[in-house]
C-alpha atoms as a PDB file:
ATOM      1  CA  MET A   1      -0.887 -13.852 -34.187  1.00  0.00           C
ATOM      2  CA  GLU A   2      -2.637 -17.099 -33.341  1.00  0.00           C
ATOM      3  CA  LEU A   3      -1.957 -20.066 -35.605  1.00  0.00           C
ATOM      4  CA  ASP A   4      -5.608 -20.337 -36.607  1.00  0.00           C
ATOM      5  CA  GLU A   5      -5.626 -16.740 -37.842  1.00  0.00           C
ATOM      6  CA  PHE A   6      -2.369 -17.210 -39.740  1.00  0.00           C
ATOM      7  CA  TRP A   7      -3.558 -20.342 -41.510  1.00  0.00           C
ATOM      8  CA  GLU A   8      -6.911 -18.778 -42.294  1.00  0.00           C
ATOM      9  CA  LEU A   9      -5.056 -16.019 -44.125  1.00  0.00           C
ATOM     10  CA  ILE A  10      -2.721 -18.440 -45.896  1.00  0.00           C
ATOM     11  CA  GLY A  11      -5.369 -20.864 -47.099  1.00  0.00           C
ATOM     12  CA  SER A  12      -3.734 -22.686 -50.010  1.00  0.00           C
ATOM     13  CA  ARG A  13      -1.782 -20.520 -52.442  1.00  0.00           C
ATOM     14  CA  ARG A  14       0.258 -21.490 -55.474  1.00  0.00           C
ATOM     15  CA  THR A  15       0.004 -18.751 -58.133  1.00  0.00           C
ATOM     16  CA  ASP A  16       1.235 -15.166 -58.367  1.00  0.00           C
ATOM     17  CA  ASP A  17      -2.381 -13.982 -58.162  1.00  0.00           C
ATOM     18  CA  ASP A  18      -2.832 -15.963 -54.930  1.00  0.00           C
ATOM     19  CA  PHE A  19       0.092 -14.170 -53.293  1.00  0.00           C
ATOM     20  CA  ALA A  20      -1.155 -10.805 -54.567  1.00  0.00           C
ATOM     21  CA  ALA A  21      -4.560 -11.536 -53.032  1.00  0.00           C
ATOM     22  CA  LEU A  22      -2.912 -12.489 -49.732  1.00  0.00           C
ATOM     23  CA  THR A  23      -0.998  -9.204 -49.756  1.00  0.00           C
ATOM     24  CA  ASP A  24      -4.249  -7.306 -50.373  1.00  0.00           C
ATOM     25  CA  ARG A  25      -5.964  -9.030 -47.433  1.00  0.00           C
ATOM     26  CA  LEU A  26      -3.058  -8.450 -45.096  1.00  0.00           C
ATOM     27  CA  ALA A  27      -2.792  -4.788 -46.092  1.00  0.00           C
ATOM     28  CA  GLU A  28      -6.270  -4.290 -44.647  1.00  0.00           C
ATOM     29  CA  ARG A  29      -4.971  -5.213 -41.167  1.00  0.00           C
ATOM     30  CA  ASP A  30      -3.169  -2.953 -38.709  1.00  0.00           C
ATOM     31  CA  ALA A  31       0.619  -2.739 -38.468  1.00  0.00           C
ATOM     32  CA  ALA A  32       0.833  -4.994 -35.401  1.00  0.00           C
ATOM     33  CA  THR A  33      -1.074  -7.765 -37.157  1.00  0.00           C
ATOM     34  CA  ILE A  34       1.118  -7.506 -40.246  1.00  0.00           C
ATOM     35  CA  THR A  35       4.352  -7.787 -38.272  1.00  0.00           C
ATOM     36  CA  ALA A  36       2.842 -10.659 -36.267  1.00  0.00           C
ATOM     37  CA  PHE A  37       2.139 -12.431 -39.562  1.00  0.00           C
ATOM     38  CA  GLU A  38       5.815 -12.090 -40.475  1.00  0.00           C
ATOM     39  CA  ASP A  39       6.871 -13.432 -37.081  1.00  0.00           C
ATOM     40  CA  ARG A  40       4.619 -16.459 -37.459  1.00  0.00           C
ATOM     41  CA  LEU A  41       5.757 -17.123 -41.032  1.00  0.00           C
ATOM     42  CA  THR A  42       9.394 -16.966 -39.946  1.00  0.00           C
ATOM     43  CA  GLU A  43       8.715 -19.360 -37.073  1.00  0.00           C
ATOM     44  CA  LEU A  44       7.102 -21.918 -39.402  1.00  0.00           C
ATOM     45  CA  LEU A  45       9.884 -21.706 -41.983  1.00  0.00           C
ATOM     46  CA  TYR A  46      12.483 -21.984 -39.217  1.00  0.00           C
ATOM     47  CA  ALA A  47      10.881 -25.209 -37.996  1.00  0.00           C
ATOM     48  CA  LEU A  48      11.359 -26.788 -41.450  1.00  0.00           C
ATOM     49  CA  ASP A  49      15.023 -25.751 -41.576  1.00  0.00           C
ATOM     50  CA  THR A  50      16.433 -29.151 -40.590  1.00  0.00           C
ATOM     51  CA  PRO A  51      18.890 -31.608 -42.171  1.00  0.00           C
ATOM     52  CA  PRO A  52      16.190 -34.249 -42.878  1.00  0.00           C
ATOM     53  CA  HIS A  53      14.049 -31.668 -44.671  1.00  0.00           C
ATOM     54  CA  ALA A  54      17.015 -30.383 -46.698  1.00  0.00           C
ATOM     55  CA  LYS A  55      17.931 -33.941 -47.652  1.00  0.00           C
ATOM     56  CA  ALA A  56      14.366 -34.714 -48.706  1.00  0.00           C
ATOM     57  CA  ALA A  57      14.103 -31.556 -50.814  1.00  0.00           C
ATOM     58  CA  ARG A  58      17.567 -32.090 -52.297  1.00  0.00           C
ATOM     59  CA  ALA A  59      17.948 -28.349 -52.020  1.00  0.00           C
ATOM     60  CA  ARG A  60      20.306 -25.881 -50.401  1.00  0.00           C
ATOM     61  CA  GLY A  61      20.678 -22.175 -49.763  1.00  0.00           C
ATOM     62  CA  ASP A  62      17.939 -19.964 -51.166  1.00  0.00           C
ATOM     63  CA  TRP A  63      16.336 -22.818 -53.068  1.00  0.00           C
ATOM     64  CA  PHE A  64      15.795 -24.738 -49.819  1.00  0.00           C
ATOM     65  CA  LEU A  65      14.117 -21.623 -48.421  1.00  0.00           C
ATOM     66  CA  TYR A  66      11.802 -21.340 -51.426  1.00  0.00           C
ATOM     67  CA  VAL A  67      10.859 -25.021 -51.176  1.00  0.00           C
ATOM     68  CA  ARG A  68       9.968 -24.515 -47.515  1.00  0.00           C
ATOM     69  CA  CYS A  69       7.845 -21.537 -48.559  1.00  0.00           C
ATOM     70  CA  ALA A  70       5.961 -23.827 -50.940  1.00  0.00           C
ATOM     71  CA  ALA A  71       5.155 -26.177 -48.066  1.00  0.00           C
ATOM     72  CA  VAL A  72       3.748 -23.291 -46.002  1.00  0.00           C
ATOM     73  CA  ALA A  73       1.795 -21.917 -48.967  1.00  0.00           C
ATOM     74  CA  ALA A  74       0.202 -25.337 -49.486  1.00  0.00           C
ATOM     75  CA  GLY A  75      -1.789 -24.856 -46.284  1.00  0.00           C
ATOM     76  CA  ARG A  76      -1.942 -26.048 -42.702  1.00  0.00           C
ATOM     77  CA  ASP A  77      -2.636 -29.752 -43.238  1.00  0.00           C
ATOM     78  CA  THR A  78       0.183 -30.138 -45.744  1.00  0.00           C
ATOM     79  CA  TYR A  79       2.622 -28.134 -43.643  1.00  0.00           C
ATOM     80  CA  GLU A  80       1.961 -30.175 -40.510  1.00  0.00           C
ATOM     81  CA  LEU A  81       2.412 -33.401 -42.463  1.00  0.00           C
ATOM     82  CA  VAL A  82       5.736 -32.176 -43.869  1.00  0.00           C
ATOM     83  CA  LEU A  83       6.860 -31.005 -40.432  1.00  0.00           C
ATOM     84  CA  GLU A  84       6.254 -34.468 -38.957  1.00  0.00           C
ATOM     85  CA  GLU A  85       7.467 -36.450 -41.971  1.00  0.00           C
ATOM     86  CA  PRO A  86      10.391 -34.609 -43.634  1.00  0.00           C
ATOM     87  CA  ALA A  87      10.413 -37.029 -46.585  1.00  0.00           C
ATOM     88  CA  LYS A  88       7.090 -35.486 -47.663  1.00  0.00           C
ATOM     89  CA  LEU A  89       8.946 -32.278 -48.536  1.00  0.00           C
ATOM     90  CA  ARG A  90      10.333 -34.053 -51.582  1.00  0.00           C
ATOM     91  CA  ARG A  91       7.081 -33.410 -53.447  1.00  0.00           C
ATOM     92  CA  PHE A  92       7.899 -29.690 -53.294  1.00  0.00           C
ATOM     93  CA  ALA A  93      11.478 -30.064 -54.541  1.00  0.00           C
ATOM     94  CA  ARG A  94      10.591 -28.577 -57.929  1.00  0.00           C
ATOM     95  CA  ARG A  95       8.224 -25.977 -56.571  1.00  0.00           C
ATOM     96  CA  GLU A  96       8.981 -22.582 -55.156  1.00  0.00           C
ATOM     97  CA  ALA A  97       6.899 -19.937 -53.463  1.00  0.00           C
ATOM     98  CA  GLU A  98       9.384 -17.168 -52.784  1.00  0.00           C
ATOM     99  CA  LEU A  99       6.657 -14.579 -53.399  1.00  0.00           C
ATOM    100  CA  LEU A 100       5.362 -15.491 -49.949  1.00  0.00           C
ATOM    101  CA  LEU A 101       8.411 -13.786 -48.430  1.00  0.00           C
ATOM    102  CA  PRO A 102       7.677 -10.139 -49.350  1.00  0.00           C
ATOM    103  CA  VAL A 103       3.939 -10.363 -48.562  1.00  0.00           C
ATOM    104  CA  ALA A 104       4.195  -8.817 -45.083  1.00  0.00           C
ATOM    105  CA  SER A 105       6.647  -6.047 -46.010  1.00  0.00           C
ATOM    106  CA  THR A 106       4.591  -5.054 -49.053  1.00  0.00           C
ATOM    107  CA  ALA A 107       1.340  -5.108 -47.068  1.00  0.00           C
ATOM    108  CA  TYR A 108       2.922  -3.051 -44.287  1.00  0.00           C
ATOM    109  CA  GLU A 109       4.210  -0.348 -46.617  1.00  0.00           C
ATOM    110  CA  ARG A 110       0.887  -0.216 -48.441  1.00  0.00           C
ATOM    111  CA  SER A 111      -1.083  -0.041 -45.193  1.00  0.00           C
ATOM    112  CA  THR A 112       1.067   2.447 -43.280  1.00  0.00           C
ATOM    113  CA  GLY A 113       2.937   4.391 -45.954  1.00  0.00           C
ATOM    114  CA  ARG A 114       6.124   3.771 -43.975  1.00  0.00           C
ATOM    115  CA  PRO A 115       9.206   1.708 -44.891  1.00  0.00           C
ATOM    116  CA  TRP A 116       9.361  -1.854 -43.574  1.00  0.00           C
ATOM    117  CA  ASP A 117      11.917  -2.108 -40.753  1.00  0.00           C
ATOM    118  CA  HIS A 118      10.643  -5.061 -38.713  1.00  0.00           C
ATOM    119  CA  GLU A 119      13.241  -7.563 -37.482  1.00  0.00           C
ATOM    120  CA  THR A 120      12.085 -11.023 -36.452  1.00  0.00           C
ATOM    121  CA  VAL A 121      13.585 -12.872 -33.496  1.00  0.00           C
ATOM    122  CA  LEU A 122      14.221 -15.971 -35.597  1.00  0.00           C
ATOM    123  CA  SER A 123      15.588 -16.154 -39.136  1.00  0.00           C
ATOM    124  CA  TYR A 124      14.115 -18.145 -42.004  1.00  0.00           C
ATOM    125  CA  GLU A 125      17.409 -18.228 -43.917  1.00  0.00           C
ATOM    126  CA  SER A 126      18.608 -21.748 -44.671  1.00  0.00           C
ATOM    127  CA  GLY A 127      20.901 -23.115 -41.969  1.00  0.00           C
ATOM    128  CA  SER A 128      19.674 -20.666 -39.300  1.00  0.00           C
ATOM    129  CA  ASN A 129      18.085 -23.352 -37.118  1.00  0.00           C
ATOM    130  CA  THR A 130      21.305 -24.011 -35.210  1.00  0.00           C
ATOM    131  CA  GLU A 131      19.689 -26.471 -32.807  1.00  0.00           C
ATOM    132  CA  ALA A 132      18.538 -28.682 -35.698  1.00  0.00           C
ATOM    133  CA  TRP A 133      21.840 -28.384 -37.557  1.00  0.00           C
ATOM    134  CA  HIS A 134      24.059 -28.942 -34.505  1.00  0.00           C
ATOM    135  CA  GLY A 135      26.417 -31.820 -35.183  1.00  0.00           C
ATOM    136  CA  PHE A 136      25.721 -31.786 -38.919  1.00  0.00           C
ATOM    137  CA  PRO A 137      27.977 -30.275 -41.585  1.00  0.00           C
ATOM    138  CA  SER A 138      27.178 -26.687 -42.384  1.00  0.00           C
ATOM    139  CA  LEU A 139      24.454 -26.327 -44.977  1.00  0.00           C
ATOM    140  CA  PRO A 140      26.124 -25.706 -48.367  1.00  0.00           C
ATOM    141  CA  GLN A 141      25.259 -22.355 -49.791  1.00  0.00           C
ATOM    142  CA  ALA A 142      23.932 -21.852 -53.262  1.00  0.00           C
ATOM    143  CA  ALA A 143      26.069 -20.207 -55.889  1.00  0.00           C
ATOM    144  CA  PRO A 144      26.178 -16.410 -55.639  1.00  0.00           C
ATOM    145  CA  ALA A 145      23.096 -14.798 -57.098  1.00  0.00           C
ATOM    146  CA  GLU A 146      23.336 -12.785 -60.260  1.00  0.00           C
ATOM    147  CA  PRO A 147      23.867  -9.058 -59.693  1.00  0.00           C
ATOM    148  CA  VAL A 148      20.697  -7.244 -58.719  1.00  0.00           C
ATOM    149  CA  SER A 149      19.523  -4.517 -61.072  1.00  0.00           C
ATOM    150  CA  TRP A 150      19.333  -0.978 -59.735  1.00  0.00           C
ATOM    151  CA  LEU A 151      15.721  -0.854 -60.968  1.00  0.00           C
ATOM    152  CA  THR A 152      12.885  -3.123 -59.884  1.00  0.00           C
ATOM    153  CA  THR A 153       9.111  -2.972 -60.009  1.00  0.00           C
ATOM    154  CA  GLN A 154       6.238  -3.821 -57.733  1.00  0.00           C
ATOM    155  CA  THR A 155       3.408  -4.299 -60.162  1.00  0.00           C
ATOM    156  CA  SER A 156       1.488  -7.039 -61.920  1.00  0.00           C
ATOM    157  CA  ASN A 157       1.387  -4.911 -65.088  1.00  0.00           C
ATOM    158  CA  ARG A 158       3.307  -6.878 -67.686  1.00  0.00           C
ATOM    159  CA  TYR A 159       4.115  -3.941 -69.941  1.00  0.00           C
ATOM    160  CA  VAL A 160       5.566  -1.844 -67.129  1.00  0.00           C
ATOM    161  CA  ALA A 161       7.505  -4.808 -65.719  1.00  0.00           C
ATOM    162  CA  ARG A 162       9.111  -5.551 -69.085  1.00  0.00           C
ATOM    163  CA  LEU A 163       9.946  -1.895 -69.766  1.00  0.00           C
ATOM    164  CA  ALA A 164      11.505  -1.514 -66.314  1.00  0.00           C
ATOM    165  CA  TYR A 165      13.642  -4.591 -66.909  1.00  0.00           C
ATOM    166  CA  VAL A 166      14.930  -3.170 -70.224  1.00  0.00           C
ATOM    167  CA  ILE A 167      15.677   0.192 -68.590  1.00  0.00           C
ATOM    168  CA  GLY A 168      17.508  -1.544 -65.761  1.00  0.00           C
ATOM    169  CA  GLU A 169      19.794  -3.251 -68.295  1.00  0.00           C
ATOM    170  CA  ASP A 170      20.404  -0.089 -70.338  1.00  0.00           C
ATOM    171  CA  PRO A 171      23.907   1.426 -69.733  1.00  0.00           C
ATOM    172  CA  ALA A 172      22.703   4.975 -70.435  1.00  0.00           C
ATOM    173  CA  TRP A 173      19.977   4.685 -67.826  1.00  0.00           C
ATOM    174  CA  GLY A 174      22.426   3.046 -65.435  1.00  0.00           C
ATOM    175  CA  ALA A 175      24.813   5.966 -65.803  1.00  0.00           C
ATOM    176  CA  TRP A 176      21.974   8.436 -65.228  1.00  0.00           C
ATOM    177  CA  TRP A 177      20.902   6.679 -62.047  1.00  0.00           C
ATOM    178  CA  SER A 178      24.444   6.236 -60.704  1.00  0.00           C
ATOM    179  CA  ALA A 179      24.683  10.013 -60.315  1.00  0.00           C
ATOM    180  CA  THR A 180      22.178   9.761 -57.428  1.00  0.00           C
ATOM    181  CA  GLY A 181      24.528   7.677 -55.293  1.00  0.00           C
ATOM    182  CA  ILE A 182      21.493   5.607 -54.239  1.00  0.00           C
ATOM    183  CA  ALA A 183      21.648   1.849 -54.767  1.00  0.00           C
ATOM    184  CA  HIS A 184      18.122   1.007 -55.878  1.00  0.00           C
ATOM    185  CA  CYS A 185      14.951   2.430 -57.366  1.00  0.00           C
ATOM    186  CA  GLU A 186      11.569   0.670 -57.236  1.00  0.00           C
ATOM    187  CA  LEU A 187       8.563   1.588 -59.369  1.00  0.00           C
ATOM    188  CA  GLN A 188       5.180   0.762 -57.839  1.00  0.00           C
ATOM    189  CA  LEU A 189       1.860   0.768 -59.676  1.00  0.00           C
ATOM    190  CA  ALA A 190      -1.562   0.202 -58.141  1.00  0.00           C
ATOM    191  CA  ALA A 191      -5.155   0.647 -59.217  1.00  0.00           C
ATOM    192  CA  ASP A 192      -5.606   3.068 -56.353  1.00  0.00           C
ATOM    193  CA  GLY A 193      -3.365   4.773 -53.845  1.00  0.00           C
ATOM    194  CA  LEU A 194      -1.327   7.921 -53.369  1.00  0.00           C
ATOM    195  CA  ASP A 195       1.239   9.103 -55.911  1.00  0.00           C
ATOM    196  CA  ALA A 196       4.505   9.694 -54.105  1.00  0.00           C
ATOM    197  CA  VAL A 197       8.296   9.548 -54.286  1.00  0.00           C
ATOM    198  CA  LEU A 198       9.830   8.158 -51.091  1.00  0.00           C
ATOM    199  CA  VAL A 199      13.570   8.641 -50.595  1.00  0.00           C
ATOM    200  CA  GLU A 200      15.602   6.446 -48.225  1.00  0.00           C
ATOM    201  CA  PRO A 201      19.388   6.131 -47.955  1.00  0.00           C
ATOM    202  CA  ASP A 202      19.555   3.065 -50.226  1.00  0.00           C
ATOM    203  CA  LEU A 203      16.187   3.064 -51.964  1.00  0.00           C
ATOM    204  CA  VAL A 204      13.942   5.428 -53.891  1.00  0.00           C
ATOM    205  CA  THR A 205      10.332   4.306 -54.277  1.00  0.00           C
ATOM    206  CA  ALA A 206       8.165   5.954 -56.931  1.00  0.00           C
ATOM    207  CA  ARG A 207       4.452   5.186 -56.603  1.00  0.00           C
ATOM    208  CA  ALA A 208       1.629   5.972 -58.982  1.00  0.00           C
ATOM    209  CA  SER A 209      -2.025   5.154 -59.420  1.00  0.00           C
ATOM    210  CA  ALA A 210      -2.087   4.402 -63.125  1.00  0.00           C
ATOM    211  CA  ALA A 211      -2.866   1.767 -65.740  1.00  0.00           C
ATOM    212  CA  ALA A 212      -1.001   0.708 -68.869  1.00  0.00           C
ATOM    213  CA  ASP A 213      -2.641  -1.594 -71.405  1.00  0.00           C
ATOM    214  CA  SER A 214       0.052  -1.375 -74.064  1.00  0.00           C
ATOM    215  CA  ALA A 215       3.768  -0.764 -74.495  1.00  0.00           C
ATOM    216  CA  PRO A 216       3.272   2.943 -75.414  1.00  0.00           C
ATOM    217  CA  GLU A 217       1.074   3.496 -72.356  1.00  0.00           C
ATOM    218  CA  ALA A 218       3.701   1.818 -70.188  1.00  0.00           C
ATOM    219  CA  ALA A 219       6.325   4.198 -71.609  1.00  0.00           C
ATOM    220  CA  THR A 220       4.118   7.154 -70.663  1.00  0.00           C
ATOM    221  CA  VAL A 221       3.584   5.888 -67.119  1.00  0.00           C
ATOM    222  CA  VAL A 222       7.235   5.021 -66.517  1.00  0.00           C
ATOM    223  CA  SER A 223       8.399   8.352 -67.968  1.00  0.00           C
ATOM    224  CA  ALA A 224       6.038  10.174 -65.604  1.00  0.00           C
ATOM    225  CA  LEU A 225       7.390   8.201 -62.635  1.00  0.00           C
ATOM    226  CA  PHE A 226      10.966   9.014 -63.523  1.00  0.00           C
ATOM    227  CA  GLY A 227       9.964  12.624 -64.111  1.00  0.00           C
ATOM    228  CA  ALA A 228       8.738  12.771 -60.516  1.00  0.00           C
ATOM    229  CA  VAL A 229      11.973  11.148 -59.324  1.00  0.00           C
ATOM    230  CA  ARG A 230      14.012  13.628 -61.364  1.00  0.00           C
ATOM    231  CA  ASP A 231      12.176  16.577 -59.818  1.00  0.00           C
ATOM    232  CA  ARG A 232      12.456  15.204 -56.282  1.00  0.00           C
ATOM    233  CA  LEU A 233      16.193  14.496 -56.534  1.00  0.00           C
ATOM    234  CA  GLU A 234      16.977  17.460 -58.813  1.00  0.00           C
ATOM    235  CA  LEU A 235      18.482  15.237 -61.498  1.00  0.00           C
ATOM    236  CA  PRO A 236      19.156  16.017 -65.143  1.00  0.00           C
ATOM    237  CA  GLU A 237      16.714  14.836 -67.784  1.00  0.00           C
ATOM    238  CA  PRO A 238      16.718  11.021 -67.983  1.00  0.00           C
ATOM    239  CA  PRO A 239      17.299   9.143 -71.248  1.00  0.00           C
ATOM    240  CA  PRO A 240      14.220   8.490 -73.372  1.00  0.00           C
ATOM    241  CA  ALA A 241      12.175   5.400 -72.538  1.00  0.00           C
ATOM    242  CA  PRO A 242      13.092   2.447 -74.796  1.00  0.00           C
ATOM    243  CA  ASP A 243      10.694   1.753 -77.642  1.00  0.00           C
ATOM    244  CA  LEU A 244       9.245  -1.713 -77.108  1.00  0.00           C
ATOM    245  CA  SER A 245       6.616  -1.470 -79.830  1.00  0.00           C
ATOM    246  CA  GLY A 246       8.560  -3.969 -81.952  1.00  0.00           C
ATOM    247  CA  ASP A 247       9.819  -6.034 -79.026  1.00  0.00           C
ATOM    248  CA  PRO A 248       8.229  -9.487 -78.828  1.00  0.00           C
ATOM    249  CA  PHE A 249       8.546  -9.383 -75.043  1.00  0.00           C
ATOM    250  CA  GLY A 250       6.859  -6.011 -74.969  1.00  0.00           C
ATOM    251  CA  GLN A 251       4.038  -7.468 -77.031  1.00  0.00           C
ATOM    252  CA  LEU A 252       3.925 -10.464 -74.676  1.00  0.00           C
ATOM    253  CA  ASP A 253       4.268 -13.013 -77.478  1.00  0.00           C
ATOM    254  CA  ALA A 254       7.133 -14.810 -75.717  1.00  0.00           C
ATOM    255  CA  TRP A 255       6.224 -17.022 -72.799  1.00  0.00           C
ATOM    256  CA  THR A 256       7.884 -19.477 -70.487  1.00  0.00           C
ATOM    257  CA  ALA A 257       6.836 -23.104 -70.392  1.00  0.00           C
ATOM    258  CA  ASP A 258       4.452 -22.537 -67.476  1.00  0.00           C
ATOM    259  CA  GLY A 259       2.554 -19.816 -69.325  1.00  0.00           C
ATOM    260  CA  GLU A 260       3.908 -16.706 -67.600  1.00  0.00           C
ATOM    261  CA  PRO A 261       5.531 -13.780 -69.438  1.00  0.00           C
ATOM    262  CA  ILE A 262       9.306 -13.804 -69.128  1.00  0.00           C
ATOM    263  CA  GLY A 263       9.624 -10.122 -68.309  1.00  0.00           C
ATOM    264  CA  LEU A 264       7.130 -10.254 -65.453  1.00  0.00           C
ATOM    265  CA  LEU A 265       8.674 -13.288 -63.791  1.00  0.00           C
ATOM    266  CA  ARG A 266      12.142 -11.766 -63.947  1.00  0.00           C
ATOM    267  CA  ALA A 267      10.907  -8.477 -62.537  1.00  0.00           C
ATOM    268  CA  LEU A 268       9.045 -10.130 -59.667  1.00  0.00           C
ATOM    269  CA  ARG A 269      12.127 -12.145 -58.752  1.00  0.00           C
ATOM    270  CA  LEU A 270      14.299  -9.018 -58.831  1.00  0.00           C
ATOM    271  CA  ILE A 271      11.966  -7.244 -56.386  1.00  0.00           C
ATOM    272  CA  TRP A 272      12.660  -9.782 -53.683  1.00  0.00           C
ATOM    273  CA  GLN A 273      16.344 -10.076 -54.541  1.00  0.00           C
ATOM    274  CA  THR A 274      16.677  -6.328 -54.015  1.00  0.00           C
ATOM    275  CA  ARG A 275      14.923  -6.411 -50.666  1.00  0.00           C
ATOM    276  CA  ARG A 276      16.960  -9.399 -49.475  1.00  0.00           C
ATOM    277  CA  ALA A 277      20.223  -7.812 -50.619  1.00  0.00           C
ATOM    278  CA  ALA A 278      19.399  -4.659 -48.631  1.00  0.00           C
ATOM    279  CA  ARG A 279      18.438  -6.753 -45.602  1.00  0.00           C
ATOM    280  CA  ARG A 280      21.676  -8.750 -45.693  1.00  0.00           C
ATOM    281  CA  ALA A 281      23.882  -5.676 -46.165  1.00  0.00           C
END
């Protein structure tokens, strides 16, 4: 993919909706273009993986990666300035744009219906640019991430995201899922698309074209998804869906300081943590 095409797609993106829109645009392209986008993104992140940039961002490990993502998401002019003047990365030290990372894999799976298995030549992980880091102390790694839930979601629906998070933390549901011997399950909701249950060695993906505008509707949708999973894997009946009708998170009355619902942010972060954990395994 030519740089001009990549930057035209990126534009300038800062919000969750921006990254969702980017995913939608990329999903309209063919598989070769989508993997080329990932290659180009990796190359640009790799170029920012240097000691001066890490020092400017005052970041390490995954956080340094997310700060570099923010510089890319800010657009071509900003990225090129940061590349030439590492100190400029400091302005992104409290920003993160990790949702840029799963854009290509999500677009690919949506476009082709096949699992993402593309491997880039370079790595965007912090400390991977060995030429830049040669002669410097190894980049300190961040503290180990919190354990990844067996259940994640790929949806902007707040009710479904919150319900999935509660189910993922429920011991009874955890015990039910552990009988499958499969590490992760991902629920995907879209306004349109094919309903399906895809089974891989370490991941089950349940997709549905559905909407949920309340906690009870979310319970209906999620129960139907797990019903399809149960039938596909020949599992016993799952536990009942938790009742979130009296849950302030389910009613979306609790918000973080930046105005986003807590359940949705946590669920979105867990999606990428799950994919990265599988990739690193």
